[in-house]
C-alpha atoms as a PDB file:
ATOM      1  CA  UNK A   1      -9.185 -19.079  -7.620  1.00  0.00           C
ATOM      2  CA  UNK A   2      -5.476 -19.782  -7.278  1.00  0.00           C
ATOM      3  CA  UNK A   3      -3.435 -21.134 -10.140  1.00  0.00           C
ATOM      4  CA  UNK A   4      -1.032 -24.041  -9.704  1.00  0.00           C
ATOM      5  CA  UNK A   5       2.554 -23.167 -10.508  1.00  0.00           C
ATOM      6  CA  UNK A   6       3.858 -26.723 -10.605  1.00  0.00           C
ATOM      7  CA  UNK A   7       2.447 -29.574 -12.655  1.00  0.00           C
ATOM      8  CA  UNK A   8       1.425 -32.907 -11.175  1.00  0.00           C
ATOM      9  CA  UNK A   9       4.601 -34.393 -12.655  1.00  0.00           C
ATOM     10  CA  UNK A  10       6.705 -31.712 -10.919  1.00  0.00           C
ATOM     11  CA  UNK A  11       5.026 -32.428  -7.593  1.00  0.00           C
ATOM     12  CA  UNK A  12       5.500 -36.187  -7.943  1.00  0.00           C
ATOM     13  CA  UNK A  13       9.178 -35.632  -8.743  1.00  0.00           C
ATOM     14  CA  UNK A  14       9.623 -33.450  -5.628  1.00  0.00           C
ATOM     15  CA  UNK A  15       7.653 -35.909  -3.500  1.00  0.00           C
ATOM     16  CA  UNK A  16       9.975 -38.686  -4.667  1.00  0.00           C
ATOM     17  CA  UNK A  17      13.030 -36.601  -3.727  1.00  0.00           C
ATOM     18  CA  UNK A  18      11.473 -35.888  -0.335  1.00  0.00           C
ATOM     19  CA  UNK A  19      10.416 -39.453   0.495  1.00  0.00           C
ATOM     20  CA  UNK A  20      13.302 -41.440  -0.997  1.00  0.00           C
ATOM     21  CA  UNK A  21      16.210 -39.038  -0.618  1.00  0.00           C
ATOM     22  CA  UNK A  22      15.330 -36.911   2.410  1.00  0.00           C
ATOM     23  CA  UNK A  23      14.879 -33.532   0.721  1.00  0.00           C
ATOM     24  CA  UNK A  24      13.670 -31.056   3.360  1.00  0.00           C
ATOM     25  CA  UNK A  25      14.250 -27.760   1.604  1.00  0.00           C
ATOM     26  CA  UNK A  26      15.057 -26.333  -1.786  1.00  0.00           C
ATOM     27  CA  UNK A  27      16.424 -22.800  -1.919  1.00  0.00           C
ATOM     28  CA  UNK A  28      16.927 -20.715  -5.032  1.00  0.00           C
ATOM     29  CA  UNK A  29      18.720 -17.362  -4.843  1.00  0.00           C
ATOM     30  CA  UNK A  30      21.560 -15.445  -6.505  1.00  0.00           C
ATOM     31  CA  UNK A  31      24.074 -18.113  -5.520  1.00  0.00           C
ATOM     32  CA  UNK A  32      22.102 -20.877  -7.240  1.00  0.00           C
ATOM     33  CA  UNK A  33      20.125 -23.866  -6.043  1.00  0.00           C
ATOM     34  CA  UNK A  34      20.744 -25.243  -2.566  1.00  0.00           C
ATOM     35  CA  UNK A  35      19.305 -28.293  -0.841  1.00  0.00           C
ATOM     36  CA  UNK A  36      19.797 -29.715   2.620  1.00  0.00           C
ATOM     37  CA  UNK A  37      23.290 -31.179   2.651  1.00  0.00           C
ATOM     38  CA  UNK A  38      22.440 -34.081   4.946  1.00  0.00           C
ATOM     39  CA  UNK A  39      20.071 -35.575   2.387  1.00  0.00           C
ATOM     40  CA  UNK A  40      21.025 -38.446   0.163  1.00  0.00           C
ATOM     41  CA  UNK A  41      19.938 -36.440  -2.839  1.00  0.00           C
ATOM     42  CA  UNK A  42      23.217 -34.580  -3.249  1.00  0.00           C
ATOM     43  CA  UNK A  43      25.090 -37.799  -3.933  1.00  0.00           C
ATOM     44  CA  UNK A  44      22.201 -39.416  -5.795  1.00  0.00           C
ATOM     45  CA  UNK A  45      22.003 -36.559  -8.256  1.00  0.00           C
ATOM     46  CA  UNK A  46      25.750 -36.619  -8.812  1.00  0.00           C
ATOM     47  CA  UNK A  47      25.936 -40.404  -9.130  1.00  0.00           C
ATOM     48  CA  UNK A  48      22.706 -41.406 -10.807  1.00  0.00           C
ATOM     49  CA  UNK A  49      21.636 -39.112 -13.534  1.00  0.00           C
ATOM     50  CA  UNK A  50      22.215 -35.685 -14.970  1.00  0.00           C
ATOM     51  CA  UNK A  51      18.522 -35.712 -15.991  1.00  0.00           C
ATOM     52  CA  UNK A  52      17.414 -35.351 -12.373  1.00  0.00           C
ATOM     53  CA  UNK A  53      19.557 -32.295 -11.879  1.00  0.00           C
ATOM     54  CA  UNK A  54      18.239 -30.790 -15.115  1.00  0.00           C
ATOM     55  CA  UNK A  55      14.632 -31.431 -14.088  1.00  0.00           C
ATOM     56  CA  UNK A  56      15.217 -29.939 -10.634  1.00  0.00           C
ATOM     57  CA  UNK A  57      16.758 -26.894 -12.311  1.00  0.00           C
ATOM     58  CA  UNK A  58      13.713 -26.538 -14.573  1.00  0.00           C
ATOM     59  CA  UNK A  59      11.360 -26.676 -11.570  1.00  0.00           C
ATOM     60  CA  UNK A  60      13.306 -23.954  -9.761  1.00  0.00           C
ATOM     61  CA  UNK A  61      13.339 -21.761 -12.892  1.00  0.00           C
ATOM     62  CA  UNK A  62       9.584 -22.156 -13.198  1.00  0.00           C
ATOM     63  CA  UNK A  63       9.026 -21.228  -9.551  1.00  0.00           C
ATOM     64  CA  UNK A  64      11.413 -18.287  -9.646  1.00  0.00           C
ATOM     65  CA  UNK A  65       9.764 -16.905 -12.780  1.00  0.00           C
ATOM     66  CA  UNK A  66       6.211 -17.318 -11.501  1.00  0.00           C
ATOM     67  CA  UNK A  67       6.986 -15.981  -8.007  1.00  0.00           C
ATOM     68  CA  UNK A  68       9.150 -13.180  -9.443  1.00  0.00           C
ATOM     69  CA  UNK A  69      11.417 -13.663  -6.447  1.00  0.00           C
ATOM     70  CA  UNK A  70      14.071 -15.826  -4.845  1.00  0.00           C
ATOM     71  CA  UNK A  71      12.439 -18.503  -2.727  1.00  0.00           C
ATOM     72  CA  UNK A  72      12.813 -21.407  -0.345  1.00  0.00           C
ATOM     73  CA  UNK A  73      10.535 -24.418  -0.597  1.00  0.00           C
ATOM     74  CA  UNK A  74      10.236 -26.228   2.761  1.00  0.00           C
ATOM     75  CA  UNK A  75       8.852 -29.760   3.018  1.00  0.00           C
ATOM     76  CA  UNK A  76       7.198 -31.274   6.076  1.00  0.00           C
ATOM     77  CA  UNK A  77       6.864 -34.919   7.071  1.00  0.00           C
ATOM     78  CA  UNK A  78       3.854 -35.761   4.920  1.00  0.00           C
ATOM     79  CA  UNK A  79       4.964 -33.865   1.836  1.00  0.00           C
ATOM     80  CA  UNK A  80       3.272 -30.644   2.618  1.00  0.00           C
ATOM     81  CA  UNK A  81       5.299 -27.797   1.254  1.00  0.00           C
ATOM     82  CA  UNK A  82       5.483 -24.131   2.045  1.00  0.00           C
ATOM     83  CA  UNK A  83       7.048 -21.530  -0.224  1.00  0.00           C
ATOM     84  CA  UNK A  84       8.785 -18.546   1.373  1.00  0.00           C
ATOM     85  CA  UNK A  85       9.884 -15.626  -0.752  1.00  0.00           C
ATOM     86  CA  UNK A  86      13.360 -14.356   0.090  1.00  0.00           C
END
C-alpha cells in the first residue's frame, strides 16, 4: 500500500494554484524552487501574501525530504500530477 506524501490541505492548495493561477509545474533543485514563469502565480505570490510563498516552500521541503531527491511536479489539465525525480 502506498503512503501519501502530501496532505489533503496541501493538495487543495496546489489545486487552487493550478486552477486559479495557471501553475503547470513546480521544480525543486539546488537552485531553489521554480514555477512556470507565464503563470499568474509569480505575481500573485509577490503581491498577495508571504504566507502563500511560505506554504509552497513547506510543501516542496516535504516532497524533497520524502522523495530524497530533487523533483519536478507536473500538472495536467484536470489536476492530475506526476512527480519526476531529477
